[in-house]
Amino acid sequence: MKPFTECRIFNYFSLSLNREPAVPEADFFSSYTEYEQCLYDLAIGSVPILERLRHLLHSEVELISLKKLFIKTEQHHVPIAEFYLDKCLLLVEAEIKLVNFSVQYPRTIETPSSFLSSLHWKGTLVNLMELISSLDYSELVTDASGKRLSFAGIVSAFEKLFNVSISKPYDLRADLARRKKNLSVLLPKLKENYEKNIVNCGIESK
């Protein structure tokens, strides 16, 4: 799996340290949600405990190093960046404690069955992003508690479902908005195929 330092939020921390143009709070929020989802995926995945712990400890080292840099450059105060840096550090520390707890008390941890999908996506990733974005905007997808699933969570689910890797989902979604001719390519085709074939199921239009 890719290092956590490749998550967007680490790039935003670097931009804040280098006094680049301010990163919007909405971007920090969405990238934090993405980082949170990465940690969750690691926790429920089939990665061996030692490998999982290695990723978490490396992430902790990077976050602590960034925090020290922010302290050294306190004359250039970026409250929103420091706020999310603290949240990321607390989050990864909590995950490390959970891993250590599972090692110390293995019987208290239920190991979920790994989800292995036999499905594969034959289309382009940008077209798949149309479907993912539409579901995200619809607010119809929730978790087990009924809470709306984040964009990063939906992306993660589709990666598992179709055995694909979407390394930069937010950039890919932004590419959709930059389309010059048609904002949507896949969705009209799905609508056309649905309307063309649904009558074969014996459902007549009213």
N, C-alpha and C. Protein backbone atom coordinates (compact mmCIF):
# COMPACT_ATOMS: atom_id res chain seq x y z
N MET A 1 0.84 -1.19 0.00
CA MET A 1 0.00 0.00 0.00
C MET A 1 0.88 1.25 0.00
N LYS A 2 0.29 2.36 -0.48
CA LYS A 2 1.08 3.58 -0.59
C LYS A 2 1.30 4.20 0.79
N PRO A 3 2.40 4.95 0.98
CA PRO A 3 2.65 5.60 2.27
C PRO A 3 1.57 6.65 2.55
N PHE A 4 1.27 6.85 3.82
CA PHE A 4 0.27 7.85 4.18
C PHE A 4 0.73 9.26 3.81
N THR A 5 2.04 9.45 3.68
CA THR A 5 2.55 10.77 3.33
C THR A 5 2.13 11.20 1.93
N GLU A 6 1.59 10.27 1.15
CA GLU A 6 1.09 10.63 -0.17
C GLU A 6 -0.34 11.16 -0.11
N CYS A 7 -0.95 11.13 1.06
CA CYS A 7 -2.28 11.70 1.22
C CYS A 7 -2.22 13.22 1.04
N ARG A 8 -3.27 13.79 0.52
CA ARG A 8 -3.29 15.22 0.20
C ARG A 8 -2.96 16.11 1.39
N ILE A 9 -3.41 15.72 2.56
CA ILE A 9 -3.25 16.61 3.70
C ILE A 9 -1.79 16.88 4.03
N PHE A 10 -0.90 15.93 3.76
CA PHE A 10 0.53 16.16 3.99
C PHE A 10 1.06 17.23 3.04
N ASN A 11 0.54 17.25 1.83
CA ASN A 11 0.93 18.28 0.87
C ASN A 11 0.46 19.65 1.35
N TYR A 12 -0.73 19.70 1.93
CA TYR A 12 -1.26 20.97 2.45
C TYR A 12 -0.45 21.47 3.63
N PHE A 13 0.02 20.55 4.47
CA PHE A 13 0.88 20.95 5.59
C PHE A 13 2.17 21.58 5.05
N SER A 14 2.74 20.97 4.02
CA SER A 14 3.98 21.49 3.42
C SER A 14 3.76 22.87 2.81
N LEU A 15 2.63 23.03 2.13
CA LEU A 15 2.31 24.33 1.54
C LEU A 15 2.20 25.41 2.61
N SER A 16 1.59 25.06 3.74
CA SER A 16 1.44 26.02 4.83
C SER A 16 2.79 26.39 5.43
N LEU A 17 3.68 25.42 5.55
CA LEU A 17 5.02 25.69 6.08
C LEU A 17 5.84 26.57 5.15
N ASN A 18 5.65 26.39 3.85
CA ASN A 18 6.43 27.14 2.86
C ASN A 18 5.81 28.49 2.51
N ARG A 19 4.77 28.86 3.25
CA ARG A 19 4.11 30.15 3.06
C ARG A 19 3.54 30.30 1.66
N GLU A 20 3.05 29.21 1.14
CA GLU A 20 2.37 29.24 -0.15
C GLU A 20 0.99 29.86 0.06
N PRO A 21 0.26 30.13 -1.03
CA PRO A 21 -1.11 30.64 -0.87
C PRO A 21 -1.92 29.78 0.09
N ALA A 22 -2.72 30.44 0.91
CA ALA A 22 -3.46 29.75 1.96
C ALA A 22 -4.34 28.63 1.41
N VAL A 23 -4.30 27.49 2.08
CA VAL A 23 -5.15 26.35 1.70
C VAL A 23 -6.52 26.57 2.32
N PRO A 24 -7.60 26.51 1.52
CA PRO A 24 -8.95 26.72 2.07
C PRO A 24 -9.28 25.68 3.15
N GLU A 25 -10.08 26.11 4.11
CA GLU A 25 -10.45 25.19 5.20
C GLU A 25 -11.21 23.98 4.67
N ALA A 26 -12.00 24.18 3.61
CA ALA A 26 -12.76 23.07 3.02
C ALA A 26 -11.83 21.99 2.49
N ASP A 27 -10.67 22.40 1.95
CA ASP A 27 -9.70 21.44 1.44
C ASP A 27 -9.03 20.68 2.58
N PHE A 28 -8.75 21.39 3.67
CA PHE A 28 -8.19 20.71 4.84
C PHE A 28 -9.18 19.69 5.39
N PHE A 29 -10.45 20.09 5.45
CA PHE A 29 -11.48 19.19 5.98
C PHE A 29 -11.63 17.94 5.13
N SER A 30 -11.72 18.12 3.81
CA SER A 30 -11.90 16.97 2.92
C SER A 30 -10.67 16.07 2.91
N SER A 31 -9.48 16.68 2.97
CA SER A 31 -8.26 15.87 2.96
C SER A 31 -8.08 15.13 4.29
N TYR A 32 -8.56 15.74 5.38
CA TYR A 32 -8.52 15.05 6.68
C TYR A 32 -9.46 13.84 6.66
N THR A 33 -10.63 14.03 6.06
CA THR A 33 -11.58 12.92 5.93
C THR A 33 -10.98 11.79 5.10
N GLU A 34 -10.24 12.17 4.07
CA GLU A 34 -9.56 11.19 3.22
C GLU A 34 -8.50 10.43 4.02
N TYR A 35 -7.74 11.15 4.83
CA TYR A 35 -6.70 10.53 5.67
C TYR A 35 -7.34 9.60 6.70
N GLU A 36 -8.44 10.05 7.27
CA GLU A 36 -9.18 9.24 8.24
C GLU A 36 -9.65 7.93 7.61
N GLN A 37 -10.12 8.02 6.36
CA GLN A 37 -10.58 6.83 5.65
C GLN A 37 -9.42 5.88 5.37
N CYS A 38 -8.25 6.44 5.06
CA CYS A 38 -7.06 5.60 4.81
C CYS A 38 -6.70 4.79 6.06
N LEU A 39 -6.77 5.45 7.21
CA LEU A 39 -6.47 4.75 8.46
C LEU A 39 -7.51 3.67 8.75
N TYR A 40 -8.76 3.98 8.44
CA TYR A 40 -9.83 3.00 8.66
C TYR A 40 -9.65 1.79 7.74
N ASP A 41 -9.32 2.06 6.47
CA ASP A 41 -9.10 0.97 5.52
C ASP A 41 -7.95 0.07 5.97
N LEU A 42 -6.91 0.69 6.52
CA LEU A 42 -5.77 -0.08 7.03
C LEU A 42 -6.21 -0.95 8.21
N ALA A 43 -7.06 -0.38 9.06
CA ALA A 43 -7.48 -1.10 10.28
C ALA A 43 -8.33 -2.32 9.96
N ILE A 44 -9.18 -2.23 8.94
CA ILE A 44 -10.10 -3.34 8.65
C ILE A 44 -9.58 -4.25 7.54
N GLY A 45 -8.44 -3.89 6.96
CA GLY A 45 -7.89 -4.69 5.87
C GLY A 45 -7.16 -5.93 6.35
N SER A 46 -6.56 -6.62 5.39
CA SER A 46 -5.88 -7.88 5.69
C SER A 46 -4.37 -7.71 5.84
N VAL A 47 -3.92 -6.46 6.03
CA VAL A 47 -2.49 -6.19 6.20
C VAL A 47 -2.01 -6.78 7.53
N PRO A 48 -0.88 -7.51 7.54
CA PRO A 48 -0.36 -8.07 8.79
C PRO A 48 -0.14 -6.98 9.83
N ILE A 49 -0.27 -7.35 11.10
CA ILE A 49 -0.20 -6.36 12.18
C ILE A 49 1.12 -5.59 12.18
N LEU A 50 2.24 -6.29 11.98
CA LEU A 50 3.53 -5.60 12.00
C LEU A 50 3.64 -4.58 10.86
N GLU A 51 3.12 -4.94 9.70
CA GLU A 51 3.14 -4.02 8.56
C GLU A 51 2.23 -2.83 8.84
N ARG A 52 1.07 -3.10 9.44
CA ARG A 52 0.14 -2.02 9.78
C ARG A 52 0.78 -1.06 10.78
N LEU A 53 1.45 -1.64 11.79
CA LEU A 53 2.10 -0.82 12.81
C LEU A 53 3.23 0.00 12.20
N ARG A 54 3.94 -0.59 11.24
CA ARG A 54 5.03 0.14 10.59
C ARG A 54 4.51 1.38 9.87
N HIS A 55 3.42 1.23 9.13
CA HIS A 55 2.82 2.37 8.43
C HIS A 55 2.37 3.45 9.41
N LEU A 56 1.77 3.02 10.51
CA LEU A 56 1.28 3.98 11.50
C LEU A 56 2.43 4.72 12.17
N LEU A 57 3.48 4.00 12.52
CA LEU A 57 4.62 4.63 13.19
C LEU A 57 5.35 5.59 12.25
N HIS A 58 5.48 5.22 10.98
CA HIS A 58 6.10 6.13 10.01
C HIS A 58 5.27 7.40 9.86
N SER A 59 3.96 7.23 9.85
CA SER A 59 3.08 8.39 9.75
C SER A 59 3.21 9.27 10.99
N GLU A 60 3.33 8.64 12.15
CA GLU A 60 3.49 9.40 13.39
C GLU A 60 4.79 10.20 13.37
N VAL A 61 5.87 9.59 12.89
CA VAL A 61 7.16 10.29 12.79
C VAL A 61 7.04 11.52 11.91
N GLU A 62 6.40 11.36 10.75
CA GLU A 62 6.24 12.48 9.82
C GLU A 62 5.41 13.60 10.46
N LEU A 63 4.34 13.24 11.15
CA LEU A 63 3.48 14.25 11.76
C LEU A 63 4.18 14.98 12.90
N ILE A 64 4.94 14.24 13.72
CA ILE A 64 5.69 14.88 14.81
C ILE A 64 6.75 15.82 14.24
N SER A 65 7.41 15.41 13.16
CA SER A 65 8.42 16.26 12.52
C SER A 65 7.79 17.54 11.98
N LEU A 66 6.62 17.40 11.37
CA LEU A 66 5.91 18.58 10.86
C LEU A 66 5.52 19.51 12.01
N LYS A 67 5.08 18.93 13.11
CA LYS A 67 4.68 19.74 14.26
C LYS A 67 5.87 20.54 14.80
N LYS A 68 7.05 19.92 14.83
CA LYS A 68 8.25 20.62 15.29
C LYS A 68 8.60 21.77 14.35
N LEU A 69 8.41 21.56 13.05
CA LEU A 69 8.68 22.62 12.08
C LEU A 69 7.71 23.79 12.27
N PHE A 70 6.46 23.47 12.55
CA PHE A 70 5.48 24.54 12.79
C PHE A 70 5.85 25.35 14.03
N ILE A 71 6.37 24.67 15.05
CA ILE A 71 6.77 25.36 16.28
C ILE A 71 7.95 26.29 16.00
N LYS A 72 8.90 25.83 15.17
CA LYS A 72 10.07 26.64 14.85
C LYS A 72 9.70 27.88 14.03
N THR A 73 8.65 27.77 13.25
CA THR A 73 8.24 28.89 12.39
C THR A 73 6.97 29.53 12.94
N GLU A 74 6.89 29.66 14.27
CA GLU A 74 5.65 30.14 14.88
C GLU A 74 5.34 31.59 14.52
N GLN A 75 6.34 32.34 13.99
CA GLN A 75 6.05 33.69 13.55
C GLN A 75 5.14 33.68 12.32
N HIS A 76 5.17 32.54 11.63
CA HIS A 76 4.26 32.37 10.48
C HIS A 76 3.15 31.42 10.93
N HIS A 77 2.21 31.96 11.69
CA HIS A 77 1.19 31.14 12.34
C HIS A 77 0.08 30.78 11.36
N VAL A 78 -0.21 29.46 11.24
CA VAL A 78 -1.29 28.98 10.37
C VAL A 78 -2.22 28.12 11.23
N PRO A 79 -3.17 28.75 11.92
CA PRO A 79 -4.01 28.02 12.88
C PRO A 79 -4.74 26.82 12.29
N ILE A 80 -5.30 26.97 11.10
CA ILE A 80 -6.09 25.87 10.54
C ILE A 80 -5.21 24.67 10.22
N ALA A 81 -4.00 24.92 9.73
CA ALA A 81 -3.07 23.83 9.42
C ALA A 81 -2.64 23.12 10.71
N GLU A 82 -2.34 23.91 11.74
CA GLU A 82 -1.92 23.33 13.01
C GLU A 82 -3.05 22.55 13.68
N PHE A 83 -4.28 23.03 13.50
CA PHE A 83 -5.45 22.33 14.05
C PHE A 83 -5.58 20.94 13.45
N TYR A 84 -5.49 20.86 12.12
CA TYR A 84 -5.64 19.56 11.47
C TYR A 84 -4.40 18.68 11.65
N LEU A 85 -3.24 19.30 11.83
CA LEU A 85 -2.04 18.53 12.13
C LEU A 85 -2.20 17.83 13.48
N ASP A 86 -2.71 18.56 14.46
CA ASP A 86 -2.95 17.95 15.78
C ASP A 86 -3.98 16.83 15.69
N LYS A 87 -5.03 17.04 14.90
CA LYS A 87 -6.06 16.01 14.74
C LYS A 87 -5.48 14.74 14.11
N CYS A 88 -4.66 14.93 13.08
CA CYS A 88 -4.04 13.77 12.41
C CYS A 88 -3.13 13.02 13.36
N LEU A 89 -2.36 13.76 14.16
CA LEU A 89 -1.43 13.13 15.10
C LEU A 89 -2.19 12.36 16.18
N LEU A 90 -3.24 12.95 16.71
CA LEU A 90 -4.05 12.26 17.72
C LEU A 90 -4.72 11.03 17.14
N LEU A 91 -5.14 11.14 15.89
CA LEU A 91 -5.81 10.02 15.24
C LEU A 91 -4.86 8.84 15.04
N VAL A 92 -3.66 9.12 14.55
CA VAL A 92 -2.72 8.03 14.30
C VAL A 92 -2.23 7.44 15.62
N GLU A 93 -2.11 8.26 16.66
CA GLU A 93 -1.73 7.75 17.98
C GLU A 93 -2.81 6.81 18.52
N ALA A 94 -4.06 7.16 18.28
CA ALA A 94 -5.17 6.30 18.72
C ALA A 94 -5.14 4.96 17.99
N GLU A 95 -4.83 4.99 16.69
CA GLU A 95 -4.75 3.75 15.91
C GLU A 95 -3.60 2.87 16.39
N ILE A 96 -2.49 3.50 16.75
CA ILE A 96 -1.34 2.74 17.27
C ILE A 96 -1.71 2.05 18.58
N LYS A 97 -2.44 2.76 19.44
CA LYS A 97 -2.89 2.17 20.71
C LYS A 97 -3.81 0.98 20.46
N LEU A 98 -4.68 1.11 19.45
CA LEU A 98 -5.60 0.01 19.14
C LEU A 98 -4.86 -1.21 18.62
N VAL A 99 -3.82 -0.99 17.81
CA VAL A 99 -3.02 -2.11 17.32
C VAL A 99 -2.31 -2.80 18.48
N ASN A 100 -1.70 -2.00 19.36
CA ASN A 100 -1.02 -2.58 20.52
C ASN A 100 -2.00 -3.33 21.43
N PHE A 101 -3.21 -2.79 21.55
CA PHE A 101 -4.24 -3.45 22.36
C PHE A 101 -4.63 -4.79 21.75
N SER A 102 -4.74 -4.83 20.42
CA SER A 102 -5.11 -6.07 19.75
C SER A 102 -4.03 -7.14 19.88
N VAL A 103 -2.77 -6.70 20.00
CA VAL A 103 -1.67 -7.65 20.20
C VAL A 103 -1.68 -8.16 21.64
N GLN A 104 -1.93 -7.26 22.57
CA GLN A 104 -1.92 -7.63 23.98
C GLN A 104 -3.14 -8.47 24.37
N TYR A 105 -4.29 -8.16 23.76
CA TYR A 105 -5.53 -8.89 24.07
C TYR A 105 -6.18 -9.37 22.77
N PRO A 106 -5.57 -10.33 22.11
CA PRO A 106 -6.06 -10.77 20.79
C PRO A 106 -7.48 -11.32 20.79
N ARG A 107 -7.92 -11.88 21.90
CA ARG A 107 -9.25 -12.49 21.94
C ARG A 107 -10.37 -11.45 21.96
N THR A 108 -10.02 -10.22 22.30
CA THR A 108 -11.05 -9.18 22.37
C THR A 108 -11.31 -8.53 21.02
N ILE A 109 -10.49 -8.86 20.04
CA ILE A 109 -10.61 -8.24 18.72
C ILE A 109 -11.20 -9.22 17.74
N GLU A 110 -12.31 -8.85 17.14
CA GLU A 110 -12.92 -9.68 16.11
C GLU A 110 -12.32 -9.31 14.77
N THR A 111 -11.81 -10.30 14.07
CA THR A 111 -11.22 -10.05 12.76
C THR A 111 -12.30 -10.15 11.69
N PRO A 112 -12.62 -9.03 11.01
CA PRO A 112 -13.66 -9.08 9.98
C PRO A 112 -13.20 -9.88 8.78
N SER A 113 -14.14 -10.55 8.14
CA SER A 113 -13.78 -11.30 6.94
C SER A 113 -13.41 -10.34 5.83
N SER A 114 -12.35 -10.63 5.11
CA SER A 114 -11.89 -9.76 4.04
C SER A 114 -12.86 -9.84 2.86
N PHE A 115 -13.18 -8.68 2.33
CA PHE A 115 -14.08 -8.62 1.19
C PHE A 115 -13.26 -8.73 -0.09
N LEU A 116 -13.48 -9.79 -0.84
CA LEU A 116 -12.77 -9.99 -2.09
C LEU A 116 -13.79 -9.99 -3.22
N SER A 117 -13.74 -8.96 -4.04
CA SER A 117 -14.69 -8.83 -5.14
C SER A 117 -14.13 -9.46 -6.40
N SER A 118 -15.00 -10.11 -7.16
CA SER A 118 -14.59 -10.71 -8.44
C SER A 118 -14.88 -9.76 -9.59
N LEU A 119 -15.40 -8.57 -9.28
CA LEU A 119 -15.76 -7.61 -10.32
C LEU A 119 -14.56 -6.76 -10.72
N HIS A 120 -14.53 -6.37 -11.99
CA HIS A 120 -13.48 -5.50 -12.50
C HIS A 120 -14.09 -4.41 -13.38
N TRP A 121 -13.55 -3.21 -13.28
CA TRP A 121 -14.05 -2.08 -14.06
C TRP A 121 -13.33 -2.01 -15.40
N LYS A 122 -14.10 -2.04 -16.50
CA LYS A 122 -13.52 -2.03 -17.85
C LYS A 122 -13.44 -0.63 -18.44
N GLY A 123 -14.15 0.32 -17.84
CA GLY A 123 -14.14 1.68 -18.36
C GLY A 123 -12.96 2.49 -17.84
N THR A 124 -12.99 3.78 -18.10
CA THR A 124 -11.93 4.67 -17.63
C THR A 124 -12.21 5.09 -16.19
N LEU A 125 -11.16 5.49 -15.48
CA LEU A 125 -11.33 5.94 -14.10
C LEU A 125 -12.12 7.24 -14.03
N VAL A 126 -11.93 8.10 -15.04
CA VAL A 126 -12.64 9.38 -15.01
C VAL A 126 -14.14 9.17 -15.19
N ASN A 127 -14.52 8.16 -15.98
CA ASN A 127 -15.94 7.85 -16.12
C ASN A 127 -16.50 7.22 -14.84
N LEU A 128 -15.68 6.39 -14.21
CA LEU A 128 -16.11 5.81 -12.93
C LEU A 128 -16.32 6.91 -11.90
N MET A 129 -15.49 7.95 -11.99
CA MET A 129 -15.61 9.07 -11.07
C MET A 129 -16.94 9.79 -11.23
N GLU A 130 -17.50 9.77 -12.45
CA GLU A 130 -18.84 10.34 -12.66
C GLU A 130 -19.86 9.65 -11.75
N LEU A 131 -19.79 8.33 -11.75
CA LEU A 131 -20.73 7.54 -10.95
C LEU A 131 -20.52 7.78 -9.46
N ILE A 132 -19.26 7.79 -9.05
CA ILE A 132 -18.93 8.01 -7.64
C ILE A 132 -19.40 9.39 -7.19
N SER A 133 -19.11 10.41 -8.00
CA SER A 133 -19.48 11.78 -7.65
C SER A 133 -20.99 11.95 -7.59
N SER A 134 -21.69 11.32 -8.52
CA SER A 134 -23.15 11.41 -8.53
C SER A 134 -23.75 10.83 -7.25
N LEU A 135 -23.22 9.69 -6.82
CA LEU A 135 -23.70 9.09 -5.58
C LEU A 135 -23.35 9.96 -4.38
N ASP A 136 -22.18 10.57 -4.42
CA ASP A 136 -21.77 11.45 -3.32
C ASP A 136 -22.69 12.66 -3.23
N TYR A 137 -22.96 13.30 -4.37
CA TYR A 137 -23.83 14.48 -4.38
C TYR A 137 -25.27 14.13 -4.03
N SER A 138 -25.69 12.92 -4.32
CA SER A 138 -27.07 12.51 -4.05
C SER A 138 -27.34 12.33 -2.55
N GLU A 139 -26.28 12.11 -1.77
CA GLU A 139 -26.37 11.87 -0.32
C GLU A 139 -27.20 10.63 0.00
N LEU A 140 -27.24 9.68 -0.93
CA LEU A 140 -28.02 8.46 -0.73
C LEU A 140 -27.22 7.34 -0.07
N VAL A 141 -25.89 7.45 -0.08
CA VAL A 141 -25.03 6.39 0.45
C VAL A 141 -24.67 6.70 1.90
N THR A 142 -24.95 5.75 2.80
CA THR A 142 -24.66 5.95 4.22
C THR A 142 -23.85 4.78 4.77
N ASP A 143 -23.36 4.96 5.98
CA ASP A 143 -22.70 3.85 6.66
C ASP A 143 -23.75 3.07 7.45
N ALA A 144 -23.30 2.12 8.24
CA ALA A 144 -24.23 1.25 8.97
C ALA A 144 -25.11 2.01 9.96
N SER A 145 -24.63 3.16 10.44
CA SER A 145 -25.39 3.95 11.41
C SER A 145 -26.37 4.91 10.75
N GLY A 146 -26.33 4.98 9.42
CA GLY A 146 -27.21 5.90 8.71
C GLY A 146 -26.58 7.25 8.43
N LYS A 147 -25.33 7.43 8.85
CA LYS A 147 -24.62 8.68 8.61
C LYS A 147 -24.13 8.72 7.17
N ARG A 148 -24.25 9.88 6.55
CA ARG A 148 -23.80 10.02 5.17
C ARG A 148 -22.34 9.63 5.03
N LEU A 149 -22.05 8.78 4.05
CA LEU A 149 -20.68 8.34 3.82
C LEU A 149 -19.91 9.43 3.09
N SER A 150 -18.68 9.65 3.50
CA SER A 150 -17.86 10.68 2.88
C SER A 150 -17.49 10.31 1.45
N PHE A 151 -17.07 11.31 0.70
CA PHE A 151 -16.61 11.07 -0.66
C PHE A 151 -15.47 10.06 -0.67
N ALA A 152 -14.51 10.23 0.25
CA ALA A 152 -13.38 9.30 0.34
C ALA A 152 -13.86 7.89 0.66
N GLY A 153 -14.89 7.79 1.49
CA GLY A 153 -15.44 6.48 1.83
C GLY A 153 -16.07 5.78 0.64
N ILE A 154 -16.79 6.55 -0.19
CA ILE A 154 -17.40 5.98 -1.39
C ILE A 154 -16.33 5.54 -2.37
N VAL A 155 -15.29 6.36 -2.52
CA VAL A 155 -14.17 6.01 -3.40
C VAL A 155 -13.55 4.70 -2.95
N SER A 156 -13.30 4.58 -1.65
CA SER A 156 -12.69 3.36 -1.10
C SER A 156 -13.56 2.14 -1.38
N ALA A 157 -14.88 2.29 -1.24
CA ALA A 157 -15.79 1.17 -1.49
C ALA A 157 -15.76 0.74 -2.96
N PHE A 158 -15.70 1.71 -3.87
CA PHE A 158 -15.65 1.38 -5.29
C PHE A 158 -14.31 0.75 -5.67
N GLU A 159 -13.25 1.17 -5.01
CA GLU A 159 -11.94 0.56 -5.27
C GLU A 159 -11.98 -0.93 -4.94
N LYS A 160 -12.61 -1.26 -3.81
CA LYS A 160 -12.72 -2.66 -3.40
C LYS A 160 -13.68 -3.42 -4.31
N LEU A 161 -14.80 -2.78 -4.66
CA LEU A 161 -15.82 -3.44 -5.47
C LEU A 161 -15.31 -3.81 -6.85
N PHE A 162 -14.57 -2.88 -7.48
CA PHE A 162 -14.14 -3.08 -8.86
C PHE A 162 -12.65 -3.37 -9.01
N ASN A 163 -11.95 -3.60 -7.89
CA ASN A 163 -10.52 -3.93 -7.94
C ASN A 163 -9.72 -2.90 -8.73
N VAL A 164 -9.93 -1.63 -8.40
CA VAL A 164 -9.19 -0.55 -9.05
C VAL A 164 -8.50 0.29 -7.99
N SER A 165 -7.56 1.10 -8.42
CA SER A 165 -6.87 2.02 -7.52
C SER A 165 -7.07 3.44 -8.04
N ILE A 166 -7.67 4.28 -7.22
CA ILE A 166 -7.88 5.68 -7.59
C ILE A 166 -6.99 6.50 -6.68
N SER A 167 -5.78 6.81 -7.14
CA SER A 167 -4.76 7.40 -6.28
C SER A 167 -5.05 8.85 -5.90
N LYS A 168 -5.64 9.61 -6.81
CA LYS A 168 -5.92 11.03 -6.53
C LYS A 168 -7.37 11.35 -6.88
N PRO A 169 -8.31 10.87 -6.06
CA PRO A 169 -9.73 11.02 -6.39
C PRO A 169 -10.20 12.46 -6.49
N TYR A 170 -9.67 13.35 -5.65
CA TYR A 170 -10.12 14.74 -5.69
C TYR A 170 -9.65 15.43 -6.97
N ASP A 171 -8.44 15.10 -7.41
CA ASP A 171 -7.95 15.65 -8.68
C ASP A 171 -8.76 15.10 -9.84
N LEU A 172 -9.11 13.82 -9.75
CA LEU A 172 -9.89 13.19 -10.82
C LEU A 172 -11.28 13.81 -10.90
N ARG A 173 -11.87 14.09 -9.76
CA ARG A 173 -13.19 14.74 -9.76
C ARG A 173 -13.09 16.15 -10.33
N ALA A 174 -12.00 16.84 -10.03
CA ALA A 174 -11.81 18.19 -10.58
C ALA A 174 -11.68 18.15 -12.10
N ASP A 175 -11.12 17.05 -12.63
CA ASP A 175 -10.99 16.91 -14.08
C ASP A 175 -12.36 16.89 -14.75
N LEU A 176 -13.37 16.38 -14.06
CA LEU A 176 -14.72 16.34 -14.63
C LEU A 176 -15.24 17.75 -14.88
N ALA A 177 -14.95 18.66 -13.96
CA ALA A 177 -15.43 20.04 -14.09
C ALA A 177 -14.72 20.78 -15.21
N ARG A 178 -13.55 20.28 -15.61
CA ARG A 178 -12.79 20.95 -16.67
C ARG A 178 -13.13 20.43 -18.07
N ARG A 179 -14.05 19.49 -18.16
CA ARG A 179 -14.46 19.01 -19.47
C ARG A 179 -15.12 20.15 -20.26
N LYS A 180 -14.73 20.31 -21.51
CA LYS A 180 -15.21 21.44 -22.30
C LYS A 180 -16.54 21.15 -23.00
N LYS A 181 -16.72 19.92 -23.49
CA LYS A 181 -17.92 19.61 -24.26
C LYS A 181 -19.05 19.09 -23.37
N ASN A 182 -18.81 17.96 -22.74
CA ASN A 182 -19.85 17.35 -21.92
C ASN A 182 -19.33 17.08 -20.51
N LEU A 183 -20.04 17.59 -19.51
CA LEU A 183 -19.64 17.33 -18.14
C LEU A 183 -19.82 15.87 -17.77
N SER A 184 -20.73 15.20 -18.46
CA SER A 184 -21.00 13.79 -18.18
C SER A 184 -20.94 12.97 -19.46
N VAL A 185 -20.23 11.85 -19.41
CA VAL A 185 -20.12 10.93 -20.55
C VAL A 185 -20.77 9.60 -20.20
N LEU A 186 -20.44 9.06 -19.04
CA LEU A 186 -20.96 7.75 -18.64
C LEU A 186 -22.44 7.78 -18.30
N LEU A 187 -22.87 8.77 -17.53
CA LEU A 187 -24.24 8.79 -17.03
C LEU A 187 -25.29 8.83 -18.13
N PRO A 188 -25.12 9.63 -19.21
CA PRO A 188 -26.09 9.59 -20.31
C PRO A 188 -26.16 8.21 -20.97
N LYS A 189 -25.00 7.55 -21.07
CA LYS A 189 -24.98 6.20 -21.67
C LYS A 189 -25.74 5.21 -20.78
N LEU A 190 -25.55 5.32 -19.49
CA LEU A 190 -26.27 4.44 -18.56
C LEU A 190 -27.77 4.68 -18.66
N LYS A 191 -28.16 5.94 -18.74
CA LYS A 191 -29.59 6.28 -18.86
C LYS A 191 -30.16 5.72 -20.16
N GLU A 192 -29.41 5.89 -21.25
CA GLU A 192 -29.86 5.39 -22.56
C GLU A 192 -30.01 3.87 -22.55
N ASN A 193 -29.02 3.18 -22.01
CA ASN A 193 -29.07 1.71 -21.97
C ASN A 193 -30.20 1.22 -21.06
N TYR A 194 -30.42 1.94 -19.97
CA TYR A 194 -31.50 1.56 -19.06
C TYR A 194 -32.85 1.68 -19.75
N GLU A 195 -33.10 2.84 -20.36
CA GLU A 195 -34.40 3.07 -20.99
C GLU A 195 -34.63 2.15 -22.19
N LYS A 196 -33.55 1.78 -22.85
CA LYS A 196 -33.64 0.91 -24.02
C LYS A 196 -33.95 -0.53 -23.64
N ASN A 197 -33.41 -0.97 -22.51
CA ASN A 197 -33.49 -2.39 -22.15
C ASN A 197 -34.49 -2.72 -21.05
N ILE A 198 -34.93 -1.72 -20.28
CA ILE A 198 -35.81 -2.03 -19.16
C ILE A 198 -37.15 -2.60 -19.62
N VAL A 199 -37.59 -2.22 -20.83
CA VAL A 199 -38.87 -2.73 -21.33
C VAL A 199 -38.82 -4.23 -21.54
N ASN A 200 -37.63 -4.77 -21.76
CA ASN A 200 -37.49 -6.21 -21.95
C ASN A 200 -37.74 -6.99 -20.66
N CYS A 201 -37.81 -6.25 -19.56
CA CYS A 201 -38.10 -6.90 -18.27
C CYS A 201 -39.60 -6.92 -17.99
N GLY A 202 -40.38 -6.45 -18.96
CA GLY A 202 -41.83 -6.47 -18.80
C GLY A 202 -42.39 -5.27 -18.09
N ILE A 203 -41.55 -4.22 -17.93
CA ILE A 203 -42.02 -3.01 -17.27
C ILE A 203 -42.38 -1.98 -18.34
N GLU A 204 -43.64 -1.65 -18.44
CA GLU A 204 -44.09 -0.69 -19.45
C GLU A 204 -44.18 0.70 -18.85
N SER A 205 -43.87 1.69 -19.65
CA SER A 205 -43.99 3.07 -19.18
C SER A 205 -45.45 3.44 -19.06
N LYS A 206 -45.74 4.27 -18.09
CA LYS A 206 -47.14 4.66 -17.86
C LYS A 206 -47.56 5.73 -18.86
